[in-house]
């Protein structure tokens, strides 16, 4: 089966030379190229019974390596499943419009932090509104920086329980089959994100114009 490592080993060097990406990208590409190969060294495993000898090469342990993170991902999922409450859950996604990709790439830490702040405040503010839930939420979120096509596409996946704690300390279940109307979520999130930019929550090193946000 063709693996991501095979693609990186075949075309990674050419890509780095042609596009000159930032250091963290170069580091990830080289780590995946060398993962579980002699380049990273290894150790010898021997069976005391039959004498079989096997060489095991070291893993790169890079957070972007599919080989290294596959087992960690499954363990993480199992641990999160153990945290689930016996209620329904909603899947919510927040993202940037692609017109902002260049801006985000040049201000990753700043704008990722602003993204988290904006969607967290959006969810909590709307959930506390009695029109939707009237309770305080807890949720699990994961930041993805690329899409299924492996192109740069920052977005956050959020798993939201269908209920929360009221001010009286009682658990309030959601009576709806959907969480909060998409247009309501999008409008408030957009306002909070743009407010953060306009008030210079972070230093933006370049400007961009785009539609659809």
Protein backbone atom coordinates (compact mmCIF):
# COMPACT_ATOMS: atom_id res chain seq x y z
CA UNK A 1 0.00 0.00 0.00
CA UNK A 2 1.27 3.45 -0.92
CA UNK A 3 2.00 5.50 2.20
CA UNK A 4 2.56 9.19 2.85
CA UNK A 5 6.19 8.35 3.60
CA UNK A 6 6.65 6.92 0.10
CA UNK A 7 5.44 10.19 -1.42
CA UNK A 8 7.69 12.25 0.85
CA UNK A 9 10.71 10.07 0.10
CA UNK A 10 10.12 10.36 -3.66
CA UNK A 11 9.15 14.03 -3.95
CA UNK A 12 9.98 15.64 -0.60
CA UNK A 13 13.46 16.80 -1.51
CA UNK A 14 12.27 18.41 -4.73
CA UNK A 15 9.40 20.11 -2.90
CA UNK A 16 11.68 21.60 -0.21
CA UNK A 17 14.15 22.86 -2.80
CA UNK A 18 11.48 24.38 -5.05
CA UNK A 19 9.20 26.00 -2.44
CA UNK A 20 11.59 26.73 0.45
CA UNK A 21 8.91 26.28 3.17
CA UNK A 22 9.35 27.47 6.77
CA UNK A 23 11.58 25.46 9.18
CA UNK A 24 8.74 23.59 10.91
CA UNK A 25 7.57 22.22 7.54
CA UNK A 26 11.08 21.14 6.57
CA UNK A 27 11.46 19.42 9.93
CA UNK A 28 8.19 17.49 9.48
CA UNK A 29 9.02 16.42 5.92
CA UNK A 30 12.47 15.11 6.89
CA UNK A 31 11.11 13.37 9.97
CA UNK A 32 8.47 11.51 7.95
CA UNK A 33 11.02 10.63 5.26
CA UNK A 34 13.33 9.03 7.82
CA UNK A 35 10.76 7.49 10.16
CA UNK A 36 11.57 3.85 11.00
CA UNK A 37 14.57 3.78 8.70
CA UNK A 38 18.28 3.32 9.41
CA UNK A 39 18.67 7.12 9.30
CA UNK A 40 17.25 7.34 12.82
CA UNK A 41 19.09 4.31 14.18
CA UNK A 42 17.44 1.34 15.79
CA UNK A 43 17.83 -1.69 18.02
CA UNK A 44 18.06 -5.46 17.65
CA UNK A 45 15.43 -7.81 18.99
CA UNK A 46 16.36 -11.47 19.44
CA UNK A 47 14.25 -14.46 20.49
CA UNK A 48 15.81 -16.54 23.27
CA UNK A 49 13.96 -19.65 22.10
CA UNK A 50 14.47 -19.82 18.32
CA UNK A 51 17.29 -17.33 17.89
CA UNK A 52 15.33 -15.18 15.43
CA UNK A 53 16.90 -11.73 15.10
CA UNK A 54 14.93 -8.69 14.01
CA UNK A 55 16.09 -5.12 13.49
CA UNK A 56 13.61 -2.44 14.62
CA UNK A 57 14.30 1.09 13.46
CA UNK A 58 13.38 4.09 15.61
CA UNK A 59 10.31 6.23 15.04
CA UNK A 60 10.54 9.96 14.36
CA UNK A 61 7.70 10.75 16.83
CA UNK A 62 6.77 13.83 14.84
CA UNK A 63 3.22 14.97 15.54
CA UNK A 64 2.46 15.03 11.79
CA UNK A 65 3.72 11.51 11.07
CA UNK A 66 0.84 9.10 10.33
CA UNK A 67 2.93 6.09 11.37
CA UNK A 68 3.86 7.51 14.77
CA UNK A 69 0.51 9.07 15.58
CA UNK A 70 -1.83 6.25 14.50
CA UNK A 71 -1.59 4.34 17.79
CA UNK A 72 -1.63 7.53 19.87
CA UNK A 73 -4.76 8.65 17.99
CA UNK A 74 -6.59 5.39 18.77
CA UNK A 75 -5.61 5.60 22.44
CA UNK A 76 -6.80 9.22 22.60
CA UNK A 77 -10.15 8.30 21.04
CA UNK A 78 -10.65 5.46 23.53
CA UNK A 79 -9.90 7.80 26.45
CA UNK A 80 -12.34 10.39 25.15
CA UNK A 81 -15.05 7.76 24.68
CA UNK A 82 -14.68 6.94 28.37
CA UNK A 83 -15.50 10.60 29.15
CA UNK A 84 -18.77 10.65 27.21
CA UNK A 85 -22.02 11.32 29.03
CA UNK A 86 -25.12 9.19 28.33
CA UNK A 87 -26.66 11.89 26.11
CA UNK A 88 -26.58 12.97 22.49
CA UNK A 89 -23.70 15.02 21.07
CA UNK A 90 -23.34 17.61 18.32
CA UNK A 91 -20.45 18.04 15.87
CA UNK A 92 -19.62 21.69 15.20
CA UNK A 93 -16.91 23.01 12.85
CA UNK A 94 -15.40 26.51 12.70
CA UNK A 95 -12.99 27.59 9.98
CA UNK A 96 -11.46 30.55 8.15
CA UNK A 97 -12.42 31.45 4.57
CA UNK A 98 -9.61 30.43 2.23
CA UNK A 99 -8.99 34.10 1.34
CA UNK A 100 -7.36 34.42 4.79
CA UNK A 101 -4.99 31.47 4.33
CA UNK A 102 -1.97 33.62 3.47
CA UNK A 103 -2.66 35.90 6.43
CA UNK A 104 -3.00 32.91 8.77
CA UNK A 105 0.19 31.23 7.49
CA UNK A 106 2.19 34.35 8.35
CA UNK A 107 0.58 34.73 11.79
CA UNK A 108 -0.12 31.14 12.82
CA UNK A 109 0.17 31.29 16.60
CA UNK A 110 -1.60 34.62 16.88
CA UNK A 111 -4.55 33.77 14.65
CA UNK A 112 -4.94 30.19 15.91
CA UNK A 113 -5.23 31.60 19.43
CA UNK A 114 -7.76 34.13 18.20
CA UNK A 115 -9.71 31.36 16.47
CA UNK A 116 -9.92 29.38 19.71
CA UNK A 117 -10.94 32.44 21.71
CA UNK A 118 -13.63 33.40 19.18
CA UNK A 119 -15.29 29.99 18.87
CA UNK A 120 -15.13 29.33 22.65
CA UNK A 121 -16.84 32.60 23.46
CA UNK A 122 -19.37 32.03 20.68
CA UNK A 123 -20.41 28.61 21.96
CA UNK A 124 -20.61 29.66 25.61
CA UNK A 125 -22.48 32.89 24.92
CA UNK A 126 -25.14 31.29 22.75
CA UNK A 127 -25.51 28.20 24.95
CA UNK A 128 -26.27 30.40 27.98
CA UNK A 129 -29.11 32.03 26.04
CA UNK A 130 -32.36 30.40 27.19
CA UNK A 131 -33.62 30.52 23.63
CA UNK A 132 -31.11 27.78 22.77
CA UNK A 133 -30.09 25.96 25.97
CA UNK A 134 -29.78 28.23 29.00
CA UNK A 135 -26.76 26.43 30.41
CA UNK A 136 -22.97 26.45 30.51
CA UNK A 137 -21.23 24.06 28.12
CA UNK A 138 -18.27 21.76 28.25
CA UNK A 139 -16.81 20.60 24.92
CA UNK A 140 -13.84 18.89 23.27
CA UNK A 141 -12.09 20.65 20.37
CA UNK A 142 -9.33 19.71 17.93
CA UNK A 143 -7.45 22.09 15.63
CA UNK A 144 -6.68 20.75 12.15
CA UNK A 145 -4.35 22.76 9.95
CA UNK A 146 -4.94 20.87 6.71
CA UNK A 147 -7.81 19.19 4.92
CA UNK A 148 -8.24 15.71 3.46
CA UNK A 149 -6.35 16.78 0.36
CA UNK A 150 -3.38 17.73 2.61
CA UNK A 151 -3.70 21.39 1.60
CA UNK A 152 -3.54 24.19 4.18
CA UNK A 153 -7.03 24.50 5.62
CA UNK A 154 -7.19 25.57 9.30
CA UNK A 155 -10.39 24.50 11.02
CA UNK A 156 -11.59 23.30 14.40
CA UNK A 157 -13.75 20.24 15.08
CA UNK A 158 -15.79 20.48 18.28
CA UNK A 159 -17.81 17.78 20.02
CA UNK A 160 -20.54 19.45 22.09
CA UNK A 161 -22.78 17.55 24.53
CA UNK A 162 -26.50 18.00 24.15
CA UNK A 163 -26.81 19.76 27.47
CA UNK A 164 -25.03 21.74 30.18
CA UNK A 165 -25.16 23.07 33.73
CA UNK A 166 -27.62 25.80 34.63
CA UNK A 167 -26.83 28.60 37.09
CA UNK A 168 -28.69 26.51 39.71
CA UNK A 169 -26.28 23.61 39.16
CA UNK A 170 -28.80 21.41 37.35
CA UNK A 171 -28.16 19.56 34.13
CA UNK A 172 -30.22 20.98 31.28
CA UNK A 173 -30.71 18.73 28.25
CA UNK A 174 -31.09 20.12 24.74
CA UNK A 175 -34.61 19.59 23.44
CA UNK A 176 -33.60 20.16 19.83
CA UNK A 177 -32.27 17.83 17.15
CA UNK A 178 -29.68 20.45 16.24
CA UNK A 179 -27.41 22.52 18.45
CA UNK A 180 -27.73 26.16 17.42
CA UNK A 181 -28.68 27.47 13.94
CA UNK A 182 -25.61 27.65 11.70
CA UNK A 183 -26.28 31.23 10.63
CA UNK A 184 -26.47 32.36 14.26
CA UNK A 185 -23.19 30.63 15.12
CA UNK A 186 -21.46 31.97 12.01
CA UNK A 187 -22.58 35.56 12.54
CA UNK A 188 -21.44 35.76 16.15
CA UNK A 189 -18.16 33.93 15.47
CA UNK A 190 -17.39 36.22 12.52
CA UNK A 191 -18.06 39.29 14.63
CA UNK A 192 -15.84 38.13 17.48
CA UNK A 193 -13.00 37.15 15.18
CA UNK A 194 -13.03 40.42 13.25
CA UNK A 195 -13.33 42.35 16.52
CA UNK A 196 -10.15 40.64 17.70
CA UNK A 197 -8.32 41.68 14.54
CA UNK A 198 -9.61 45.26 14.61
CA UNK A 199 -8.55 45.68 18.22
CA UNK A 200 -5.09 44.30 17.46
CA UNK A 201 -5.40 41.29 19.73
CA UNK A 202 -2.36 40.10 17.82
CA UNK A 203 0.10 41.77 15.50
CA UNK A 204 -0.79 41.09 11.90
CA UNK A 205 2.19 41.35 9.61
CA UNK A 206 0.25 41.71 6.37
CA UNK A 207 -3.22 42.59 5.11
CA UNK A 208 -5.61 40.78 2.84
CA UNK A 209 -8.93 41.38 1.15
CA UNK A 210 -11.44 38.66 0.58
CA UNK A 211 -15.09 37.84 0.40
CA UNK A 212 -17.14 35.22 2.15
CA UNK A 213 -16.08 35.75 5.78
